[in-house]
PDB file of N, CA and C in Angstrom:
ATOM      1  N   MET A   1       8.611   6.929 -16.349  1.00  0.00           N
ATOM      2  CA  MET A   1       9.356   6.199 -15.353  1.00  0.00           C
ATOM      3  C   MET A   1       8.409   5.246 -14.638  1.00  0.00           C
ATOM      4  N   LYS A   2       8.948   4.142 -14.203  1.00  0.00           N
ATOM      5  CA  LYS A   2       8.172   3.126 -13.500  1.00  0.00           C
ATOM      6  C   LYS A   2       8.639   3.083 -12.040  1.00  0.00           C
ATOM      7  N   PHE A   3       7.685   3.287 -11.109  1.00  0.00           N
ATOM      8  CA  PHE A   3       7.988   3.315  -9.681  1.00  0.00           C
ATOM      9  C   PHE A   3       7.390   2.112  -8.969  1.00  0.00           C
ATOM     10  N   GLY A   4       8.175   1.509  -8.098  1.00  0.00           N
ATOM     11  CA  GLY A   4       7.678   0.545  -7.123  1.00  0.00           C
ATOM     12  C   GLY A   4       7.599   1.282  -5.797  1.00  0.00           C
ATOM     13  N   ILE A   5       6.618   0.954  -4.983  1.00  0.00           N
ATOM     14  CA  ILE A   5       6.400   1.661  -3.722  1.00  0.00           C
ATOM     15  C   ILE A   5       6.424   0.659  -2.572  1.00  0.00           C
ATOM     16  N   LEU A   6       7.155   1.024  -1.515  1.00  0.00           N
ATOM     17  CA  LEU A   6       7.218   0.227  -0.289  1.00  0.00           C
ATOM     18  C   LEU A   6       6.736   1.101   0.861  1.00  0.00           C
ATOM     19  N   ILE A   7       5.723   0.636   1.596  1.00  0.00           N
ATOM     20  CA  ILE A   7       5.180   1.388   2.725  1.00  0.00           C
ATOM     21  C   ILE A   7       5.388   0.569   3.998  1.00  0.00           C
ATOM     22  N   ASN A   8       6.094   1.175   4.966  1.00  0.00           N
ATOM     23  CA  ASN A   8       6.441   0.485   6.206  1.00  0.00           C
ATOM     24  C   ASN A   8       5.706   0.991   7.440  1.00  0.00           C
ATOM     25  N   GLU A   9       4.836   1.976   7.300  1.00  0.00           N
ATOM     26  CA  GLU A   9       4.155   2.574   8.452  1.00  0.00           C
ATOM     27  C   GLU A   9       2.647   2.457   8.306  1.00  0.00           C
ATOM     28  N   GLY A  10       1.972   2.415   9.437  1.00  0.00           N
ATOM     29  CA  GLY A  10       0.521   2.318   9.464  1.00  0.00           C
ATOM     30  C   GLY A  10      -0.149   3.600   9.006  1.00  0.00           C
ATOM     31  N   PRO A  11      -1.438   3.537   8.737  1.00  0.00           N
ATOM     32  CA  PRO A  11      -2.147   4.680   8.154  1.00  0.00           C
ATOM     33  C   PRO A  11      -2.473   5.813   9.122  1.00  0.00           C
ATOM     34  N   PHE A  12      -2.455   5.563  10.418  1.00  0.00           N
ATOM     35  CA  PHE A  12      -2.920   6.589  11.348  1.00  0.00           C
ATOM     36  C   PHE A  12      -1.881   7.014  12.376  1.00  0.00           C
ATOM     37  N   THR A  13      -0.680   6.473  12.305  1.00  0.00           N
ATOM     38  CA  THR A  13       0.345   6.819  13.288  1.00  0.00           C
ATOM     39  C   THR A  13       1.463   7.670  12.706  1.00  0.00           C
ATOM     40  N   HIS A  14       1.618   7.669  11.401  1.00  0.00           N
ATOM     41  CA  HIS A  14       2.687   8.406  10.739  1.00  0.00           C
ATOM     42  C   HIS A  14       2.164   9.009   9.440  1.00  0.00           C
ATOM     43  N   GLN A  15       2.933   9.887   8.877  1.00  0.00           N
ATOM     44  CA  GLN A  15       2.579  10.555   7.627  1.00  0.00           C
ATOM     45  C   GLN A  15       2.913   9.699   6.398  1.00  0.00           C
ATOM     46  N   ALA A  16       3.677   8.630   6.575  1.00  0.00           N
ATOM     47  CA  ALA A  16       4.223   7.871   5.453  1.00  0.00           C
ATOM     48  C   ALA A  16       3.162   7.382   4.461  1.00  0.00           C
ATOM     49  N   SER A  17       2.069   6.849   4.950  1.00  0.00           N
ATOM     50  CA  SER A  17       1.053   6.323   4.051  1.00  0.00           C
ATOM     51  C   SER A  17       0.387   7.428   3.249  1.00  0.00           C
ATOM     52  N   ASP A  18       0.083   8.542   3.913  1.00  0.00           N
ATOM     53  CA  ASP A  18      -0.512   9.684   3.204  1.00  0.00           C
ATOM     54  C   ASP A  18       0.433  10.201   2.125  1.00  0.00           C
ATOM     55  N   THR A  19       1.700  10.337   2.479  1.00  0.00           N
ATOM     56  CA  THR A  19       2.695  10.838   1.525  1.00  0.00           C
ATOM     57  C   THR A  19       2.845   9.875   0.355  1.00  0.00           C
ATOM     58  N   ALA A  20       2.888   8.584   0.638  1.00  0.00           N
ATOM     59  CA  ALA A  20       3.006   7.579  -0.424  1.00  0.00           C
ATOM     60  C   ALA A  20       1.796   7.645  -1.353  1.00  0.00           C
ATOM     61  N   TYR A  21       0.613   7.736  -0.776  1.00  0.00           N
ATOM     62  CA  TYR A  21      -0.604   7.809  -1.581  1.00  0.00           C
ATOM     63  C   TYR A  21      -0.564   9.026  -2.511  1.00  0.00           C
ATOM     64  N   LYS A  22      -0.224  10.173  -1.952  1.00  0.00           N
ATOM     65  CA  LYS A  22      -0.169  11.396  -2.764  1.00  0.00           C
ATOM     66  C   LYS A  22       0.913  11.302  -3.834  1.00  0.00           C
ATOM     67  N   PHE A  23       2.034  10.653  -3.510  1.00  0.00           N
ATOM     68  CA  PHE A  23       3.089  10.445  -4.500  1.00  0.00           C
ATOM     69  C   PHE A  23       2.583   9.574  -5.650  1.00  0.00           C
ATOM     70  N   VAL A  24       1.920   8.474  -5.316  1.00  0.00           N
ATOM     71  CA  VAL A  24       1.410   7.556  -6.341  1.00  0.00           C
ATOM     72  C   VAL A  24       0.399   8.268  -7.239  1.00  0.00           C
ATOM     73  N   VAL A  25      -0.535   8.991  -6.648  1.00  0.00           N
ATOM     74  CA  VAL A  25      -1.540   9.717  -7.435  1.00  0.00           C
ATOM     75  C   VAL A  25      -0.860  10.725  -8.362  1.00  0.00           C
ATOM     76  N   ALA A  26       0.089  11.488  -7.831  1.00  0.00           N
ATOM     77  CA  ALA A  26       0.793  12.488  -8.649  1.00  0.00           C
ATOM     78  C   ALA A  26       1.594  11.823  -9.764  1.00  0.00           C
ATOM     79  N   ALA A  27       2.264  10.728  -9.464  1.00  0.00           N
ATOM     80  CA  ALA A  27       3.047  10.024 -10.482  1.00  0.00           C
ATOM     81  C   ALA A  27       2.151   9.513 -11.607  1.00  0.00           C
ATOM     82  N   LEU A  28       1.015   8.934 -11.250  1.00  0.00           N
ATOM     83  CA  LEU A  28       0.086   8.435 -12.263  1.00  0.00           C
ATOM     84  C   LEU A  28      -0.477   9.579 -13.109  1.00  0.00           C
ATOM     85  N   GLU A  29      -0.785  10.704 -12.464  1.00  0.00           N
ATOM     86  CA  GLU A  29      -1.300  11.854 -13.203  1.00  0.00           C
ATOM     87  C   GLU A  29      -0.274  12.405 -14.196  1.00  0.00           C
ATOM     88  N   LYS A  30       1.006  12.252 -13.881  1.00  0.00           N
ATOM     89  CA  LYS A  30       2.075  12.734 -14.762  1.00  0.00           C
ATOM     90  C   LYS A  30       2.444  11.706 -15.838  1.00  0.00           C
ATOM     91  N   GLY A  31       1.750  10.573 -15.855  1.00  0.00           N
ATOM     92  CA  GLY A  31       1.984   9.574 -16.889  1.00  0.00           C
ATOM     93  C   GLY A  31       2.991   8.495 -16.527  1.00  0.00           C
ATOM     94  N   HIS A  32       3.465   8.499 -15.289  1.00  0.00           N
ATOM     95  CA  HIS A  32       4.379   7.452 -14.851  1.00  0.00           C
ATOM     96  C   HIS A  32       3.591   6.185 -14.517  1.00  0.00           C
ATOM     97  N   GLU A  33       4.296   5.086 -14.378  1.00  0.00           N
ATOM     98  CA  GLU A  33       3.670   3.813 -14.019  1.00  0.00           C
ATOM     99  C   GLU A  33       3.974   3.482 -12.559  1.00  0.00           C
ATOM    100  N   VAL A  34       2.989   2.939 -11.868  1.00  0.00           N
ATOM    101  CA  VAL A  34       3.167   2.422 -10.507  1.00  0.00           C
ATOM    102  C   VAL A  34       2.496   1.057 -10.487  1.00  0.00           C
ATOM    103  N   PRO A  35       3.228   0.038 -10.896  1.00  0.00           N
ATOM    104  CA  PRO A  35       2.601  -1.280 -11.003  1.00  0.00           C
ATOM    105  C   PRO A  35       2.292  -1.944  -9.659  1.00  0.00           C
ATOM    106  N   ARG A  36       3.070  -1.602  -8.617  1.00  0.00           N
ATOM    107  CA  ARG A  36       2.847  -2.299  -7.341  1.00  0.00           C
ATOM    108  C   ARG A  36       3.181  -1.404  -6.159  1.00  0.00           C
ATOM    109  N   VAL A  37       2.335  -1.524  -5.116  1.00  0.00           N
ATOM    110  CA  VAL A  37       2.614  -0.949  -3.803  1.00  0.00           C
ATOM    111  C   VAL A  37       2.695  -2.126  -2.842  1.00  0.00           C
ATOM    112  N   PHE A  38       3.810  -2.213  -2.116  1.00  0.00           N
ATOM    113  CA  PHE A  38       4.037  -3.319  -1.189  1.00  0.00           C
ATOM    114  C   PHE A  38       3.975  -2.784   0.239  1.00  0.00           C
ATOM    115  N   PHE A  39       3.145  -3.417   1.059  1.00  0.00           N
ATOM    116  CA  PHE A  39       2.950  -3.001   2.446  1.00  0.00           C
ATOM    117  C   PHE A  39       3.679  -3.983   3.368  1.00  0.00           C
ATOM    118  N   TYR A  40       4.582  -3.425   4.185  1.00  0.00           N
ATOM    119  CA  TYR A  40       5.462  -4.234   5.017  1.00  0.00           C
ATOM    120  C   TYR A  40       5.473  -3.669   6.437  1.00  0.00           C
ATOM    121  N   TYR A  41       5.946  -4.435   7.397  1.00  0.00           N
ATOM    122  CA  TYR A  41       5.953  -4.025   8.801  1.00  0.00           C
ATOM    123  C   TYR A  41       4.558  -3.484   9.176  1.00  0.00           C
ATOM    124  N   ASP A  42       4.499  -2.340   9.885  1.00  0.00           N
ATOM    125  CA  ASP A  42       3.195  -1.795  10.277  1.00  0.00           C
ATOM    126  C   ASP A  42       2.406  -1.256   9.091  1.00  0.00           C
ATOM    127  N   GLY A  43       3.023  -1.163   7.942  1.00  0.00           N
ATOM    128  CA  GLY A  43       2.327  -0.741   6.735  1.00  0.00           C
ATOM    129  C   GLY A  43       1.176  -1.656   6.365  1.00  0.00           C
ATOM    130  N   VAL A  44       1.199  -2.891   6.857  1.00  0.00           N
ATOM    131  CA  VAL A  44       0.112  -3.830   6.550  1.00  0.00           C
ATOM    132  C   VAL A  44      -1.232  -3.355   7.103  1.00  0.00           C
ATOM    133  N   TYR A  45      -1.201  -2.482   8.112  1.00  0.00           N
ATOM    134  CA  TYR A  45      -2.459  -1.952   8.656  1.00  0.00           C
ATOM    135  C   TYR A  45      -3.220  -1.113   7.638  1.00  0.00           C
ATOM    136  N   ASN A  46      -2.570  -0.689   6.579  1.00  0.00           N
ATOM    137  CA  ASN A  46      -3.243   0.055   5.513  1.00  0.00           C
ATOM    138  C   ASN A  46      -4.271  -0.808   4.789  1.00  0.00           C
ATOM    139  N   ALA A  47      -4.224  -2.109   4.971  1.00  0.00           N
ATOM    140  CA  ALA A  47      -5.116  -3.033   4.274  1.00  0.00           C
ATOM    141  C   ALA A  47      -6.269  -3.541   5.141  1.00  0.00           C
ATOM    142  N   ASN A  48      -6.356  -3.087   6.374  1.00  0.00           N
ATOM    143  CA  ASN A  48      -7.337  -3.611   7.327  1.00  0.00           C
ATOM    144  C   ASN A  48      -8.720  -2.997   7.110  1.00  0.00           C
ATOM    145  N   LYS A  49      -9.638  -3.783   6.574  1.00  0.00           N
ATOM    146  CA  LYS A  49     -10.987  -3.264   6.317  1.00  0.00           C
ATOM    147  C   LYS A  49     -11.778  -3.026   7.601  1.00  0.00           C
ATOM    148  N   LEU A  50     -11.269  -3.484   8.735  1.00  0.00           N
ATOM    149  CA  LEU A  50     -11.952  -3.277  10.007  1.00  0.00           C
ATOM    150  C   LEU A  50     -11.626  -1.928  10.641  1.00  0.00           C
ATOM    151  N   SER A  51     -10.688  -1.197  10.056  1.00  0.00           N
ATOM    152  CA  SER A  51     -10.386   0.132  10.605  1.00  0.00           C
ATOM    153  C   SER A  51     -11.586   1.045  10.367  1.00  0.00           C
ATOM    154  N   ALA A  52     -11.849   1.907  11.340  1.00  0.00           N
ATOM    155  CA  ALA A  52     -13.029   2.782  11.257  1.00  0.00           C
ATOM    156  C   ALA A  52     -12.649   4.185  11.714  1.00  0.00           C
ATOM    157  N   PRO A  53     -12.074   4.982  10.819  1.00  0.00           N
ATOM    158  CA  PRO A  53     -11.719   6.347  11.208  1.00  0.00           C
ATOM    159  C   PRO A  53     -12.968   7.192  11.443  1.00  0.00           C
ATOM    160  N   GLN A  54     -12.795   8.281  12.174  1.00  0.00           N
ATOM    161  CA  GLN A  54     -13.900   9.207  12.435  1.00  0.00           C
ATOM    162  C   GLN A  54     -14.480   9.710  11.121  1.00  0.00           C
ATOM    163  N   ALA A  55     -15.715  10.100  11.136  1.00  0.00           N
ATOM    164  CA  ALA A  55     -16.392  10.559   9.920  1.00  0.00           C
ATOM    165  C   ALA A  55     -15.722  11.776   9.296  1.00  0.00           C
ATOM    166  N   ASP A  56     -15.110  12.643  10.121  1.00  0.00           N
ATOM    167  CA  ASP A  56     -14.467  13.838   9.584  1.00  0.00           C
ATOM    168  C   ASP A  56     -12.979  13.643   9.290  1.00  0.00           C
ATOM    169  N   ASP A  57     -12.496  12.405   9.377  1.00  0.00           N
ATOM    170  CA  ASP A  57     -11.089  12.097   9.114  1.00  0.00           C
ATOM    171  C   ASP A  57     -10.975  11.369   7.780  1.00  0.00           C
ATOM    172  N   ARG A  58      -9.804  11.392   7.195  1.00  0.00           N
ATOM    173  CA  ARG A  58      -9.579  10.679   5.932  1.00  0.00           C
ATOM    174  C   ARG A  58      -9.622   9.173   6.184  1.00  0.00           C
ATOM    175  N   ASN A  59     -10.079   8.434   5.194  1.00  0.00           N
ATOM    176  CA  ASN A  59     -10.120   6.978   5.282  1.00  0.00           C
ATOM    177  C   ASN A  59      -9.017   6.439   4.380  1.00  0.00           C
ATOM    178  N   VAL A  60      -7.847   6.265   4.962  1.00  0.00           N
ATOM    179  CA  VAL A  60      -6.656   5.878   4.207  1.00  0.00           C
ATOM    180  C   VAL A  60      -6.843   4.512   3.543  1.00  0.00           C
ATOM    181  N   VAL A  61      -7.422   3.579   4.267  1.00  0.00           N
ATOM    182  CA  VAL A  61      -7.623   2.229   3.741  1.00  0.00           C
ATOM    183  C   VAL A  61      -8.519   2.266   2.502  1.00  0.00           C
ATOM    184  N   LYS A  62      -9.597   3.019   2.579  1.00  0.00           N
ATOM    185  CA  LYS A  62     -10.515   3.136   1.434  1.00  0.00           C
ATOM    186  C   LYS A  62      -9.844   3.834   0.260  1.00  0.00           C
ATOM    187  N   ARG A  63      -9.033   4.846   0.530  1.00  0.00           N
ATOM    188  CA  ARG A  63      -8.334   5.537  -0.564  1.00  0.00           C
ATOM    189  C   ARG A  63      -7.455   4.570  -1.346  1.00  0.00           C
ATOM    190  N   TRP A  64      -6.702   3.725  -0.622  1.00  0.00           N
ATOM    191  CA  TRP A  64      -5.860   2.749  -1.326  1.00  0.00           C
ATOM    192  C   TRP A  64      -6.722   1.775  -2.128  1.00  0.00           C
ATOM    193  N   SER A  65      -7.799   1.309  -1.528  1.00  0.00           N
ATOM    194  CA  SER A  65      -8.701   0.374  -2.199  1.00  0.00           C
ATOM    195  C   SER A  65      -9.278   0.994  -3.472  1.00  0.00           C
ATOM    196  N   ASP A  66      -9.711   2.244  -3.379  1.00  0.00           N
ATOM    197  CA  ASP A  66     -10.256   2.945  -4.546  1.00  0.00           C
ATOM    198  C   ASP A  66      -9.204   3.118  -5.632  1.00  0.00           C
ATOM    199  N   LEU A  67      -7.968   3.392  -5.226  1.00  0.00           N
ATOM    200  CA  LEU A  67      -6.877   3.548  -6.198  1.00  0.00           C
ATOM    201  C   LEU A  67      -6.654   2.245  -6.964  1.00  0.00           C
ATOM    202  N   ALA A  68      -6.689   1.133  -6.252  1.00  0.00           N
ATOM    203  CA  ALA A  68      -6.516  -0.163  -6.920  1.00  0.00           C
ATOM    204  C   ALA A  68      -7.641  -0.401  -7.922  1.00  0.00           C
ATOM    205  N   ALA A  69      -8.859  -0.079  -7.533  1.00  0.00           N
ATOM    206  CA  ALA A  69     -10.007  -0.284  -8.414  1.00  0.00           C
ATOM    207  C   ALA A  69      -9.964   0.645  -9.621  1.00  0.00           C
ATOM    208  N   ASP A  70      -9.602   1.901  -9.401  1.00  0.00           N
ATOM    209  CA  ASP A  70      -9.627   2.908 -10.469  1.00  0.00           C
ATOM    210  C   ASP A  70      -8.435   2.826 -11.412  1.00  0.00           C
ATOM    211  N   LYS A  71      -7.263   2.533 -10.867  1.00  0.00           N
ATOM    212  CA  LYS A  71      -6.022   2.609 -11.658  1.00  0.00           C
ATOM    213  C   LYS A  71      -5.331   1.264 -11.862  1.00  0.00           C
ATOM    214  N   GLY A  72      -5.839   0.215 -11.246  1.00  0.00           N
ATOM    215  CA  GLY A  72      -5.254  -1.107 -11.428  1.00  0.00           C
ATOM    216  C   GLY A  72      -3.919  -1.315 -10.745  1.00  0.00           C
ATOM    217  N   VAL A  73      -3.636  -0.517  -9.720  1.00  0.00           N
ATOM    218  CA  VAL A  73      -2.379  -0.678  -8.981  1.00  0.00           C
ATOM    219  C   VAL A  73      -2.471  -1.931  -8.119  1.00  0.00           C
ATOM    220  N   ASP A  74      -1.438  -2.756  -8.165  1.00  0.00           N
ATOM    221  CA  ASP A  74      -1.371  -3.996  -7.403  1.00  0.00           C
ATOM    222  C   ASP A  74      -0.969  -3.666  -5.967  1.00  0.00           C
ATOM    223  N   LEU A  75      -1.856  -3.908  -5.007  1.00  0.00           N
ATOM    224  CA  LEU A  75      -1.595  -3.632  -3.590  1.00  0.00           C
ATOM    225  C   LEU A  75      -1.293  -4.946  -2.897  1.00  0.00           C
ATOM    226  N   VAL A  76      -0.038  -5.134  -2.487  1.00  0.00           N
ATOM    227  CA  VAL A  76       0.400  -6.405  -1.926  1.00  0.00           C
ATOM    228  C   VAL A  76       0.780  -6.234  -0.457  1.00  0.00           C
ATOM    229  N   VAL A  77       0.215  -7.081   0.395  1.00  0.00           N
ATOM    230  CA  VAL A  77       0.485  -7.093   1.822  1.00  0.00           C
ATOM    231  C   VAL A  77       1.418  -8.261   2.123  1.00  0.00           C
ATOM    232  N   CYS A  78       2.515  -7.990   2.829  1.00  0.00           N
ATOM    233  CA  CYS A  78       3.454  -9.052   3.198  1.00  0.00           C
ATOM    234  C   CYS A  78       2.757 -10.049   4.124  1.00  0.00           C
ATOM    235  N   ILE A  79       2.808 -11.314   3.776  1.00  0.00           N
ATOM    236  CA  ILE A  79       2.107 -12.335   4.552  1.00  0.00           C
ATOM    237  C   ILE A  79       2.674 -12.469   5.956  1.00  0.00           C
ATOM    238  N   ALA A  80       4.000 -12.467   6.103  1.00  0.00           N
ATOM    239  CA  ALA A  80       4.609 -12.635   7.430  1.00  0.00           C
ATOM    240  C   ALA A  80       4.288 -11.444   8.330  1.00  0.00           C
ATOM    241  N   ALA A  81       4.455 -10.238   7.818  1.00  0.00           N
ATOM    242  CA  ALA A  81       4.151  -9.040   8.604  1.00  0.00           C
ATOM    243  C   ALA A  81       2.659  -8.961   8.909  1.00  0.00           C
ATOM    244  N   GLY A  82       1.823  -9.354   7.961  1.00  0.00           N
ATOM    245  CA  GLY A  82       0.385  -9.331   8.163  1.00  0.00           C
ATOM    246  C   GLY A  82      -0.058 -10.305   9.241  1.00  0.00           C
ATOM    247  N   LEU A  83       0.430 -11.523   9.182  1.00  0.00           N
ATOM    248  CA  LEU A  83       0.039 -12.518  10.178  1.00  0.00           C
ATOM    249  C   LEU A  83       0.448 -12.092  11.578  1.00  0.00           C
ATOM    250  N   ARG A  84       1.636 -11.505  11.726  1.00  0.00           N
ATOM    251  CA  ARG A  84       2.085 -11.028  13.036  1.00  0.00           C
ATOM    252  C   ARG A  84       1.162  -9.947  13.594  1.00  0.00           C
ATOM    253  N   ARG A  85       0.472  -9.240  12.716  1.00  0.00           N
ATOM    254  CA  ARG A  85      -0.363  -8.121  13.134  1.00  0.00           C
ATOM    255  C   ARG A  85      -1.867  -8.393  12.961  1.00  0.00           C
ATOM    256  N   GLY A  86      -2.210  -9.636  12.700  1.00  0.00           N
ATOM    257  CA  GLY A  86      -3.618 -10.015  12.609  1.00  0.00           C
ATOM    258  C   GLY A  86      -4.292  -9.662  11.299  1.00  0.00           C
ATOM    259  N   ILE A  87      -3.510  -9.367  10.273  1.00  0.00           N
ATOM    260  CA  ILE A  87      -4.082  -9.063   8.961  1.00  0.00           C
ATOM    261  C   ILE A  87      -4.106 -10.369   8.159  1.00  0.00           C
ATOM    262  N   VAL A  88      -5.320 -10.847   7.907  1.00  0.00           N
ATOM    263  CA  VAL A  88      -5.526 -12.100   7.174  1.00  0.00           C
ATOM    264  C   VAL A  88      -6.557 -11.851   6.079  1.00  0.00           C
ATOM    265  N   GLU A  89      -6.790 -12.840   5.247  1.00  0.00           N
ATOM    266  CA  GLU A  89      -7.737 -12.697   4.131  1.00  0.00           C
ATOM    267  C   GLU A  89      -9.106 -12.189   4.585  1.00  0.00           C
ATOM    268  N   ASP A  90      -9.554 -12.633   5.765  1.00  0.00           N
ATOM    269  CA  ASP A  90     -10.897 -12.278   6.241  1.00  0.00           C
ATOM    270  C   ASP A  90     -11.082 -10.790   6.517  1.00  0.00           C
ATOM    271  N   ASN A  91      -9.998 -10.095   6.873  1.00  0.00           N
ATOM    272  CA  ASN A  91     -10.150  -8.666   7.175  1.00  0.00           C
ATOM    273  C   ASN A  91      -9.348  -7.785   6.213  1.00  0.00           C
ATOM    274  N   LEU A  92      -9.104  -8.301   5.031  1.00  0.00           N
ATOM    275  CA  LEU A  92      -8.375  -7.580   3.992  1.00  0.00           C
ATOM    276  C   LEU A  92      -9.354  -6.736   3.171  1.00  0.00           C
ATOM    277  N   MET A  93      -9.049  -5.472   3.010  1.00  0.00           N
ATOM    278  CA  MET A  93      -9.896  -4.562   2.225  1.00  0.00           C
ATOM    279  C   MET A  93      -9.845  -4.956   0.750  1.00  0.00           C
ATOM    280  N   ASP A  94     -10.902  -4.666   0.021  1.00  0.00           N
ATOM    281  CA  ASP A  94     -10.941  -4.936  -1.415  1.00  0.00           C
ATOM    282  C   ASP A  94      -9.762  -4.256  -2.105  1.00  0.00           C
ATOM    283  N   GLY A  95      -9.187  -4.940  -3.075  1.00  0.00           N
ATOM    284  CA  GLY A  95      -8.077  -4.381  -3.838  1.00  0.00           C
ATOM    285  C   GLY A  95      -6.722  -4.791  -3.332  1.00  0.00           C
ATOM    286  N   PHE A  96      -6.646  -5.297  -2.100  1.00  0.00           N
ATOM    287  CA  PHE A  96      -5.388  -5.764  -1.530  1.00  0.00           C
ATOM    288  C   PHE A  96      -5.293  -7.272  -1.690  1.00  0.00           C
ATOM    289  N   ARG A  97      -4.070  -7.766  -1.723  1.00  0.00           N
ATOM    290  CA  ARG A  97      -3.867  -9.215  -1.715  1.00  0.00           C
ATOM    291  C   ARG A  97      -2.656  -9.531  -0.847  1.00  0.00           C
ATOM    292  N   ILE A  98      -2.611 -10.725  -0.320  1.00  0.00           N
ATOM    293  CA  ILE A  98      -1.513 -11.156   0.537  1.00  0.00           C
ATOM    294  C   ILE A  98      -0.544 -11.993  -0.288  1.00  0.00           C
ATOM    295  N   SER A  99       0.737 -11.717  -0.112  1.00  0.00           N
ATOM    296  CA  SER A  99       1.776 -12.484  -0.799  1.00  0.00           C
ATOM    297  C   SER A  99       3.078 -12.349  -0.018  1.00  0.00           C
ATOM    298  N   GLY A 100       4.154 -12.890  -0.571  1.00  0.00           N
ATOM    299  CA  GLY A 100       5.430 -12.900   0.126  1.00  0.00           C
ATOM    300  C   GLY A 100       6.389 -11.825  -0.347  1.00  0.00           C
ATOM    301  N   LEU A 101       7.572 -11.850   0.246  1.00  0.00           N
ATOM    302  CA  LEU A 101       8.603 -10.859  -0.070  1.00  0.00           C
ATOM    303  C   LEU A 101       9.100 -10.949  -1.510  1.00  0.00           C
ATOM    304  N   GLY A 102       8.827 -12.048  -2.171  1.00  0.00           N
ATOM    305  CA  GLY A 102       9.197 -12.161  -3.586  1.00  0.00           C
ATOM    306  C   GLY A 102       8.541 -11.073  -4.426  1.00  0.00           C
ATOM    307  N   GLN A 103       7.348 -10.643  -4.011  1.00  0.00           N
ATOM    308  CA  GLN A 103       6.651  -9.574  -4.732  1.00  0.00           C
ATOM    309  C   GLN A 103       7.367  -8.235  -4.570  1.00  0.00           C
ATOM    310  N   LEU A 104       7.992  -8.033  -3.407  1.00  0.00           N
ATOM    311  CA  LEU A 104       8.786  -6.817  -3.199  1.00  0.00           C
ATOM    312  C   LEU A 104      10.046  -6.871  -4.055  1.00  0.00           C
ATOM    313  N   THR A 105      10.681  -8.010  -4.089  1.00  0.00           N
ATOM    314  CA  THR A 105      11.878  -8.183  -4.915  1.00  0.00           C
ATOM    315  C   THR A 105      11.545  -7.952  -6.379  1.00  0.00           C
ATOM    316  N   GLU A 106      10.437  -8.511  -6.812  1.00  0.00           N
ATOM    317  CA  GLU A 106      10.003  -8.328  -8.198  1.00  0.00           C
ATOM    318  C   GLU A 106       9.740  -6.851  -8.507  1.00  0.00           C
ATOM    319  N   ALA A 107       9.142  -6.145  -7.557  1.00  0.00           N
ATOM    320  CA  ALA A 107       8.885  -4.715  -7.745  1.00  0.00           C
ATOM    321  C   ALA A 107      10.191  -3.934  -7.842  1.00  0.00           C
ATOM    322  N   ALA A 108      11.171  -4.314  -7.047  1.00  0.00           N
ATOM    323  CA  ALA A 108      12.466  -3.618  -7.078  1.00  0.00           C
ATOM    324  C   ALA A 108      13.210  -3.871  -8.382  1.00  0.00           C
ATOM    325  N   ILE A 109      13.143  -5.079  -8.863  1.00  0.00           N
ATOM    326  CA  ILE A 109      13.857  -5.437 -10.104  1.00  0.00           C
ATOM    327  C   ILE A 109      13.135  -4.895 -11.328  1.00  0.00           C
ATOM    328  N   GLY A 110      11.816  -4.901 -11.298  1.00  0.00           N
ATOM    329  CA  GLY A 110      11.029  -4.549 -12.479  1.00  0.00           C
ATOM    330  C   GLY A 110      10.668  -3.084 -12.627  1.00  0.00           C
ATOM    331  N   THR A 111      11.227  -2.212 -11.770  1.00  0.00           N
ATOM    332  CA  THR A 111      10.914  -0.784 -11.859  1.00  0.00           C
ATOM    333  C   THR A 111      12.209   0.021 -11.948  1.00  0.00           C
ATOM    334  N   ASP A 112      12.061   1.278 -12.332  1.00  0.00           N
ATOM    335  CA  ASP A 112      13.228   2.164 -12.395  1.00  0.00           C
ATOM    336  C   ASP A 112      13.652   2.633 -11.011  1.00  0.00           C
ATOM    337  N   ARG A 113      12.688   2.823 -10.137  1.00  0.00           N
ATOM    338  CA  ARG A 113      12.956   3.286  -8.778  1.00  0.00           C
ATOM    339  C   ARG A 113      12.024   2.576  -7.804  1.00  0.00           C
ATOM    340  N   LEU A 114      12.587   2.196  -6.657  1.00  0.00           N
ATOM    341  CA  LEU A 114      11.770   1.683  -5.552  1.00  0.00           C
ATOM    342  C   LEU A 114      11.769   2.769  -4.491  1.00  0.00           C
ATOM    343  N   MET A 115      10.606   3.337  -4.231  1.00  0.00           N
ATOM    344  CA  MET A 115      10.458   4.420  -3.261  1.00  0.00           C
ATOM    345  C   MET A 115       9.972   3.842  -1.944  1.00  0.00           C
ATOM    346  N   MET A 116      10.667   4.150  -0.848  1.00  0.00           N
ATOM    347  CA  MET A 116      10.293   3.637   0.466  1.00  0.00           C
ATOM    348  C   MET A 116       9.699   4.773   1.306  1.00  0.00           C
ATOM    349  N   PHE A 117       8.564   4.502   1.934  1.00  0.00           N
ATOM    350  CA  PHE A 117       7.903   5.471   2.783  1.00  0.00           C
ATOM    351  C   PHE A 117       7.783   4.878   4.185  1.00  0.00           C
ATOM    352  N   GLY A 118       8.392   5.542   5.154  1.00  0.00           N
ATOM    353  CA  GLY A 118       8.423   5.060   6.547  1.00  0.00           C
ATOM    354  C   GLY A 118       9.737   4.377   6.845  1.00  0.00           C
ATOM    355  N   ASP A 119       9.998   4.232   8.143  1.00  0.00           N
ATOM    356  CA  ASP A 119      11.273   3.641   8.585  1.00  0.00           C
ATOM    357  C   ASP A 119      11.403   2.197   8.184  1.00  0.00           C
TER     358      ASP A 119
END
């Protein structure tokens, strides 16, 4: 099965990003495809390389970046939502890219299921 993923919540305020990450990892381990993860609304904070969690806390931003590098998952940040929240090319973590809502539409059309995490 091919899954598209939509994340609407930030990495440190809700469980949505952690749950989405674990879902993607589990799906890939089971042989499913996850061609794209789209970050929208506060979900764009998952791409902020300037975030600095405590040393004993998980680094959600780095986990997503590592997943893109290791598994080739396309991590797309909504340009409009990103600009409203100060997420621009200069502070984008490796593995993420900025694009428009057309990428979300493409993910919805080109996959068997679009899974949404967060409100």
